[in-house]
Amino acid sequence: MDSTATWSFLHDGALDRADGAVPGDVALHISIPYLRKAFQPTGDGFILKLIGCTQFELAGDDGTVINDLGQIAQCSLEILSIESESPLSIYTTYGTLVLAYDALHLELDTGQAITVPQLDQASAEYWQAWSQRHSGSA
């Protein structure tokens, strides 16, 4: 399973902070409490480390393009869906986030590394339980 899949499991996650530099490595702090509850120790979200990041920009629905990591984080965007995989384009509540990087490392916000399959399993279990609570209307 490639790192692109990670983004689909983070649906509804909020980008709280972005640290680092482009080109270089970037750490994204994604808050998604409903999914984070599946992991110990307790916390609020995940840290995605984009290794070798060469592109990180947000094209707003209003036509503005933002390249500054701090300004992008201040937009309080939420991840909605993957628009395309090449280049990686993620639709958010603010517009489209376009990313290019060599590798992605995934951690809990408390620092423990997790794998994409672990995130996949937690997401699948959450949405299955959600569907059952809502009479199968996922």
N, C-alpha and C. Protein backbone atom coordinates (compact mmCIF):
# COMPACT_ATOMS: atom_id res chain seq x y z
N MET A 1 0.85 -1.18 0.00
CA MET A 1 0.00 0.00 0.00
C MET A 1 0.90 1.24 0.00
N ASP A 2 0.69 2.16 -0.95
CA ASP A 2 1.57 3.31 -1.03
C ASP A 2 1.12 4.45 -0.11
N SER A 3 1.99 5.44 0.02
CA SER A 3 1.70 6.53 0.96
C SER A 3 0.53 7.40 0.53
N THR A 4 0.17 7.36 -0.75
CA THR A 4 -0.98 8.14 -1.21
C THR A 4 -2.25 7.70 -0.48
N ALA A 5 -2.36 6.40 -0.21
CA ALA A 5 -3.53 5.87 0.47
C ALA A 5 -3.72 6.51 1.84
N THR A 6 -2.63 6.89 2.49
CA THR A 6 -2.70 7.52 3.81
C THR A 6 -3.69 8.67 3.82
N TRP A 7 -3.64 9.47 2.77
CA TRP A 7 -4.48 10.68 2.72
C TRP A 7 -5.96 10.33 2.72
N SER A 8 -6.35 9.24 2.08
CA SER A 8 -7.77 8.88 2.05
C SER A 8 -8.26 8.45 3.43
N PHE A 9 -7.38 7.90 4.25
CA PHE A 9 -7.78 7.50 5.60
C PHE A 9 -7.92 8.69 6.53
N LEU A 10 -7.39 9.85 6.13
CA LEU A 10 -7.42 11.04 6.98
C LEU A 10 -8.57 11.98 6.63
N HIS A 11 -9.59 11.45 5.95
CA HIS A 11 -10.78 12.23 5.61
C HIS A 11 -11.32 12.92 6.87
N ASP A 12 -11.61 14.19 6.77
CA ASP A 12 -12.11 15.04 7.86
C ASP A 12 -11.01 15.51 8.81
N GLY A 13 -9.77 15.10 8.57
CA GLY A 13 -8.68 15.56 9.41
C GLY A 13 -8.37 17.02 9.14
N ALA A 14 -8.01 17.74 10.19
CA ALA A 14 -7.69 19.17 10.08
C ALA A 14 -6.18 19.38 10.15
N LEU A 15 -5.66 20.18 9.22
CA LEU A 15 -4.25 20.53 9.26
C LEU A 15 -4.06 21.63 10.30
N ASP A 16 -3.43 21.28 11.41
CA ASP A 16 -3.24 22.23 12.51
C ASP A 16 -1.93 22.99 12.41
N ARG A 17 -0.90 22.32 11.87
CA ARG A 17 0.43 22.94 11.84
C ARG A 17 1.26 22.29 10.75
N ALA A 18 2.13 23.09 10.15
CA ALA A 18 3.07 22.59 9.15
C ALA A 18 4.43 23.17 9.46
N ASP A 19 5.42 22.32 9.65
CA ASP A 19 6.78 22.74 9.99
C ASP A 19 7.75 22.22 8.94
N GLY A 20 8.83 22.95 8.73
CA GLY A 20 9.87 22.50 7.82
C GLY A 20 10.07 23.48 6.69
N ALA A 21 10.59 22.98 5.59
CA ALA A 21 10.90 23.84 4.44
C ALA A 21 10.77 23.04 3.15
N VAL A 22 10.39 23.76 2.11
CA VAL A 22 10.32 23.18 0.76
C VAL A 22 11.30 23.94 -0.11
N PRO A 23 12.26 23.30 -0.73
CA PRO A 23 12.49 21.86 -0.72
C PRO A 23 13.08 21.41 0.62
N GLY A 24 12.80 20.18 0.98
CA GLY A 24 13.29 19.61 2.23
C GLY A 24 12.25 18.71 2.85
N ASP A 25 12.31 18.61 4.16
CA ASP A 25 11.37 17.76 4.88
C ASP A 25 10.31 18.64 5.55
N VAL A 26 9.08 18.15 5.56
CA VAL A 26 7.95 18.88 6.12
C VAL A 26 7.20 17.96 7.08
N ALA A 27 6.83 18.48 8.24
CA ALA A 27 6.02 17.73 9.21
C ALA A 27 4.64 18.39 9.29
N LEU A 28 3.61 17.59 9.02
CA LEU A 28 2.24 18.07 9.07
C LEU A 28 1.55 17.48 10.30
N HIS A 29 0.93 18.33 11.08
CA HIS A 29 0.19 17.91 12.27
C HIS A 29 -1.29 17.89 11.89
N ILE A 30 -1.85 16.69 11.85
CA ILE A 30 -3.24 16.49 11.42
C ILE A 30 -4.07 16.04 12.62
N SER A 31 -5.07 16.84 12.95
CA SER A 31 -5.96 16.51 14.06
C SER A 31 -7.17 15.75 13.52
N ILE A 32 -7.39 14.57 14.08
CA ILE A 32 -8.53 13.74 13.67
C ILE A 32 -8.89 12.83 14.85
N PRO A 33 -9.50 13.43 15.87
CA PRO A 33 -9.74 12.71 17.13
C PRO A 33 -10.49 11.39 16.99
N TYR A 34 -11.50 11.29 16.11
CA TYR A 34 -12.27 10.05 16.02
C TYR A 34 -11.41 8.87 15.59
N LEU A 35 -10.41 9.12 14.75
CA LEU A 35 -9.53 8.04 14.29
C LEU A 35 -8.39 7.81 15.27
N ARG A 36 -7.94 8.88 15.89
CA ARG A 36 -6.82 8.79 16.83
C ARG A 36 -7.17 7.95 18.04
N LYS A 37 -8.46 7.87 18.39
CA LYS A 37 -8.90 7.08 19.55
C LYS A 37 -8.56 5.60 19.42
N ALA A 38 -8.28 5.14 18.21
CA ALA A 38 -7.96 3.73 17.99
C ALA A 38 -6.53 3.38 18.43
N PHE A 39 -5.73 4.37 18.79
CA PHE A 39 -4.32 4.13 19.10
C PHE A 39 -3.98 4.58 20.52
N GLN A 40 -2.99 3.90 21.08
CA GLN A 40 -2.47 4.25 22.40
C GLN A 40 -1.02 4.67 22.27
N PRO A 41 -0.53 5.60 23.08
CA PRO A 41 -1.25 6.33 24.11
C PRO A 41 -2.23 7.33 23.49
N THR A 42 -3.10 7.88 24.32
CA THR A 42 -4.13 8.79 23.82
C THR A 42 -3.50 10.06 23.25
N GLY A 43 -4.21 10.65 22.34
CA GLY A 43 -3.78 11.89 21.70
C GLY A 43 -4.88 12.42 20.81
N ASP A 44 -4.56 13.42 19.99
CA ASP A 44 -5.57 14.07 19.15
C ASP A 44 -5.36 13.85 17.66
N GLY A 45 -4.15 13.44 17.25
CA GLY A 45 -3.93 13.37 15.82
C GLY A 45 -2.68 12.62 15.44
N PHE A 46 -2.21 12.97 14.25
CA PHE A 46 -1.08 12.29 13.63
C PHE A 46 -0.09 13.30 13.10
N ILE A 47 1.15 12.86 12.93
CA ILE A 47 2.16 13.67 12.28
C ILE A 47 2.59 12.93 11.02
N LEU A 48 2.46 13.61 9.90
CA LEU A 48 2.91 13.07 8.62
C LEU A 48 4.20 13.77 8.26
N LYS A 49 5.27 13.02 8.13
CA LYS A 49 6.56 13.59 7.76
C LYS A 49 6.78 13.34 6.27
N LEU A 50 6.79 14.41 5.51
CA LEU A 50 7.03 14.33 4.08
C LEU A 50 8.52 14.49 3.85
N ILE A 51 9.18 13.43 3.46
CA ILE A 51 10.62 13.42 3.26
C ILE A 51 10.91 13.80 1.81
N GLY A 52 11.83 14.73 1.63
CA GLY A 52 12.18 15.17 0.29
C GLY A 52 11.04 15.90 -0.41
N CYS A 53 10.36 16.74 0.32
CA CYS A 53 9.21 17.47 -0.24
C CYS A 53 9.71 18.55 -1.22
N THR A 54 9.19 18.51 -2.44
CA THR A 54 9.59 19.48 -3.46
C THR A 54 8.43 20.39 -3.87
N GLN A 55 7.22 20.05 -3.44
CA GLN A 55 6.07 20.89 -3.75
C GLN A 55 5.06 20.79 -2.62
N PHE A 56 4.58 21.94 -2.18
CA PHE A 56 3.56 22.02 -1.14
C PHE A 56 2.85 23.34 -1.34
N GLU A 57 1.74 23.30 -2.03
CA GLU A 57 1.03 24.56 -2.28
C GLU A 57 -0.47 24.32 -2.22
N LEU A 58 -1.15 25.39 -1.86
CA LEU A 58 -2.60 25.35 -1.75
C LEU A 58 -3.20 26.33 -2.76
N ALA A 59 -3.98 25.78 -3.68
CA ALA A 59 -4.71 26.60 -4.65
C ALA A 59 -6.12 26.78 -4.11
N GLY A 60 -6.40 27.97 -3.61
CA GLY A 60 -7.70 28.24 -3.01
C GLY A 60 -8.82 28.25 -4.02
N ASP A 61 -10.02 27.99 -3.56
CA ASP A 61 -11.18 28.03 -4.44
C ASP A 61 -11.39 29.40 -5.05
N ASP A 62 -10.80 30.43 -4.43
CA ASP A 62 -10.92 31.80 -4.93
C ASP A 62 -9.82 32.16 -5.93
N GLY A 63 -8.95 31.19 -6.26
CA GLY A 63 -7.90 31.41 -7.24
C GLY A 63 -6.54 31.77 -6.66
N THR A 64 -6.45 32.05 -5.38
CA THR A 64 -5.17 32.37 -4.77
C THR A 64 -4.33 31.11 -4.61
N VAL A 65 -3.01 31.27 -4.72
CA VAL A 65 -2.09 30.16 -4.52
C VAL A 65 -1.16 30.54 -3.36
N ILE A 66 -1.10 29.65 -2.38
CA ILE A 66 -0.27 29.89 -1.19
C ILE A 66 0.81 28.83 -1.14
N ASN A 67 2.06 29.27 -0.98
CA ASN A 67 3.20 28.35 -0.87
C ASN A 67 3.81 28.33 0.53
N ASP A 68 3.47 29.28 1.36
CA ASP A 68 4.04 29.39 2.70
C ASP A 68 3.37 28.38 3.63
N LEU A 69 4.18 27.52 4.26
CA LEU A 69 3.64 26.46 5.13
C LEU A 69 2.78 27.02 6.25
N GLY A 70 3.25 28.06 6.90
CA GLY A 70 2.51 28.66 8.01
C GLY A 70 1.18 29.24 7.57
N GLN A 71 1.18 29.92 6.43
CA GLN A 71 -0.07 30.48 5.92
C GLN A 71 -1.06 29.38 5.54
N ILE A 72 -0.55 28.30 4.98
CA ILE A 72 -1.44 27.19 4.62
C ILE A 72 -2.07 26.61 5.89
N ALA A 73 -1.27 26.41 6.93
CA ALA A 73 -1.80 25.86 8.18
C ALA A 73 -2.84 26.81 8.80
N GLN A 74 -2.67 28.11 8.62
CA GLN A 74 -3.62 29.08 9.17
C GLN A 74 -4.97 29.05 8.47
N CYS A 75 -5.05 28.41 7.32
CA CYS A 75 -6.32 28.32 6.59
C CYS A 75 -7.32 27.39 7.26
N SER A 76 -6.88 26.64 8.28
CA SER A 76 -7.75 25.71 9.00
C SER A 76 -8.48 24.76 8.06
N LEU A 77 -7.72 24.21 7.12
CA LEU A 77 -8.34 23.33 6.13
C LEU A 77 -8.56 21.93 6.68
N GLU A 78 -9.56 21.27 6.13
CA GLU A 78 -9.84 19.88 6.43
C GLU A 78 -9.67 19.06 5.16
N ILE A 79 -9.12 17.87 5.31
CA ILE A 79 -8.90 16.96 4.19
C ILE A 79 -10.24 16.33 3.80
N LEU A 80 -10.57 16.41 2.51
CA LEU A 80 -11.84 15.83 2.05
C LEU A 80 -11.63 14.61 1.16
N SER A 81 -10.81 14.74 0.12
CA SER A 81 -10.63 13.61 -0.79
C SER A 81 -9.39 13.80 -1.65
N ILE A 82 -8.94 12.70 -2.25
CA ILE A 82 -7.83 12.75 -3.20
C ILE A 82 -8.41 13.04 -4.57
N GLU A 83 -7.91 14.11 -5.21
CA GLU A 83 -8.36 14.44 -6.56
C GLU A 83 -7.56 13.70 -7.61
N SER A 84 -6.24 13.61 -7.41
CA SER A 84 -5.39 12.87 -8.33
C SER A 84 -4.14 12.41 -7.59
N GLU A 85 -3.51 11.38 -8.14
CA GLU A 85 -2.31 10.83 -7.50
C GLU A 85 -1.03 11.33 -8.13
N SER A 86 -1.09 11.86 -9.35
CA SER A 86 0.12 12.34 -10.00
C SER A 86 -0.19 13.58 -10.83
N PRO A 87 0.09 14.76 -10.32
CA PRO A 87 0.66 15.00 -8.99
C PRO A 87 -0.39 14.74 -7.91
N LEU A 88 0.08 14.52 -6.70
CA LEU A 88 -0.84 14.28 -5.59
C LEU A 88 -1.60 15.56 -5.30
N SER A 89 -2.89 15.52 -5.53
CA SER A 89 -3.77 16.67 -5.31
C SER A 89 -4.87 16.24 -4.35
N ILE A 90 -4.98 16.97 -3.26
CA ILE A 90 -5.94 16.64 -2.22
C ILE A 90 -6.95 17.77 -2.10
N TYR A 91 -8.23 17.45 -2.25
CA TYR A 91 -9.25 18.48 -2.12
C TYR A 91 -9.52 18.71 -0.64
N THR A 92 -9.58 19.98 -0.26
CA THR A 92 -9.79 20.37 1.13
C THR A 92 -10.95 21.36 1.20
N THR A 93 -11.28 21.76 2.41
CA THR A 93 -12.35 22.74 2.61
C THR A 93 -11.96 24.13 2.12
N TYR A 94 -10.70 24.35 1.80
CA TYR A 94 -10.22 25.66 1.33
C TYR A 94 -9.94 25.66 -0.17
N GLY A 95 -9.56 24.52 -0.70
CA GLY A 95 -9.16 24.41 -2.10
C GLY A 95 -8.37 23.14 -2.29
N THR A 96 -7.44 23.15 -3.24
CA THR A 96 -6.67 21.95 -3.56
C THR A 96 -5.23 22.09 -3.09
N LEU A 97 -4.82 21.12 -2.30
CA LEU A 97 -3.45 21.03 -1.80
C LEU A 97 -2.68 20.13 -2.76
N VAL A 98 -1.58 20.65 -3.32
CA VAL A 98 -0.77 19.88 -4.28
C VAL A 98 0.57 19.58 -3.62
N LEU A 99 0.93 18.29 -3.60
CA LEU A 99 2.13 17.84 -2.89
C LEU A 99 3.01 16.97 -3.78
N ALA A 100 4.31 17.08 -3.57
CA ALA A 100 5.27 16.15 -4.18
C ALA A 100 6.35 15.89 -3.12
N TYR A 101 6.60 14.60 -2.87
CA TYR A 101 7.61 14.22 -1.89
C TYR A 101 8.12 12.83 -2.22
N ASP A 102 9.29 12.49 -1.65
CA ASP A 102 9.90 11.19 -1.91
C ASP A 102 9.33 10.07 -1.05
N ALA A 103 9.04 10.37 0.21
CA ALA A 103 8.55 9.35 1.14
C ALA A 103 7.71 10.01 2.22
N LEU A 104 6.85 9.21 2.82
CA LEU A 104 6.00 9.68 3.91
C LEU A 104 6.19 8.77 5.11
N HIS A 105 6.45 9.36 6.26
CA HIS A 105 6.52 8.61 7.52
C HIS A 105 5.36 9.06 8.37
N LEU A 106 4.71 8.12 9.02
CA LEU A 106 3.50 8.38 9.78
C LEU A 106 3.75 8.10 11.25
N GLU A 107 3.35 9.06 12.11
CA GLU A 107 3.51 8.92 13.55
C GLU A 107 2.24 9.37 14.26
N LEU A 108 2.06 8.87 15.47
CA LEU A 108 1.05 9.43 16.35
C LEU A 108 1.57 10.78 16.82
N ASP A 109 0.69 11.65 17.26
CA ASP A 109 1.13 12.96 17.75
C ASP A 109 1.94 12.86 19.04
N THR A 110 2.02 11.66 19.61
CA THR A 110 2.85 11.41 20.78
C THR A 110 4.21 10.82 20.41
N GLY A 111 4.46 10.67 19.09
CA GLY A 111 5.79 10.29 18.62
C GLY A 111 5.98 8.85 18.18
N GLN A 112 5.06 7.95 18.45
CA GLN A 112 5.22 6.55 18.07
C GLN A 112 4.91 6.38 16.59
N ALA A 113 5.78 5.65 15.90
CA ALA A 113 5.58 5.36 14.48
C ALA A 113 4.42 4.38 14.31
N ILE A 114 3.63 4.59 13.25
CA ILE A 114 2.60 3.62 12.89
C ILE A 114 2.71 3.38 11.39
N THR A 115 2.07 2.32 10.94
CA THR A 115 2.15 1.96 9.53
C THR A 115 0.84 2.34 8.82
N VAL A 116 0.92 2.42 7.51
CA VAL A 116 -0.28 2.69 6.72
C VAL A 116 -1.32 1.59 6.92
N PRO A 117 -0.92 0.28 6.95
CA PRO A 117 -1.93 -0.75 7.21
C PRO A 117 -2.62 -0.59 8.58
N GLN A 118 -1.89 -0.13 9.59
CA GLN A 118 -2.52 0.11 10.89
C GLN A 118 -3.56 1.24 10.79
N LEU A 119 -3.22 2.28 10.06
CA LEU A 119 -4.14 3.39 9.87
C LEU A 119 -5.35 2.93 9.06
N ASP A 120 -5.11 2.12 8.05
CA ASP A 120 -6.18 1.55 7.22
C ASP A 120 -7.14 0.74 8.08
N GLN A 121 -6.60 -0.12 8.93
CA GLN A 121 -7.44 -0.96 9.78
C GLN A 121 -8.27 -0.11 10.74
N ALA A 122 -7.65 0.88 11.37
CA ALA A 122 -8.38 1.74 12.31
C ALA A 122 -9.49 2.50 11.59
N SER A 123 -9.21 2.97 10.39
CA SER A 123 -10.21 3.70 9.62
C SER A 123 -11.37 2.78 9.22
N ALA A 124 -11.04 1.58 8.73
CA ALA A 124 -12.08 0.63 8.33
C ALA A 124 -12.97 0.26 9.51
N GLU A 125 -12.37 0.02 10.66
CA GLU A 125 -13.14 -0.33 11.85
C GLU A 125 -14.04 0.83 12.28
N TYR A 126 -13.52 2.05 12.24
CA TYR A 126 -14.32 3.21 12.61
C TYR A 126 -15.53 3.33 11.70
N TRP A 127 -15.30 3.28 10.38
CA TRP A 127 -16.39 3.49 9.43
C TRP A 127 -17.38 2.34 9.44
N GLN A 128 -16.94 1.13 9.74
CA GLN A 128 -17.86 0.00 9.87
C GLN A 128 -18.78 0.23 11.07
N ALA A 129 -18.20 0.64 12.19
CA ALA A 129 -19.01 0.92 13.39
C ALA A 129 -19.95 2.09 13.14
N TRP A 130 -19.47 3.11 12.44
CA TRP A 130 -20.31 4.27 12.11
C TRP A 130 -21.50 3.83 11.27
N SER A 131 -21.23 3.01 10.28
CA SER A 131 -22.28 2.53 9.39
C SER A 131 -23.34 1.72 10.17
N GLN A 132 -22.87 0.90 11.08
CA GLN A 132 -23.80 0.10 11.89
C GLN A 132 -24.66 0.99 12.80
N ARG A 133 -24.06 2.04 13.33
CA ARG A 133 -24.82 2.98 14.19
C ARG A 133 -25.84 3.77 13.37
N HIS A 134 -25.59 3.94 12.08
CA HIS A 134 -26.46 4.74 11.24
C HIS A 134 -27.22 3.88 10.24
N SER A 135 -27.54 2.67 10.65
CA SER A 135 -28.36 1.74 9.86
C SER A 135 -27.82 1.46 8.47
N GLY A 136 -26.50 1.33 8.36
CA GLY A 136 -25.88 0.98 7.09
C GLY A 136 -25.83 2.08 6.05
N SER A 137 -25.98 3.33 6.46
CA SER A 137 -25.98 4.44 5.50
C SER A 137 -24.66 5.20 5.52
N ALA A 138 -23.56 4.52 5.22
CA ALA A 138 -22.22 5.15 5.24
C ALA A 138 -22.02 6.08 4.09
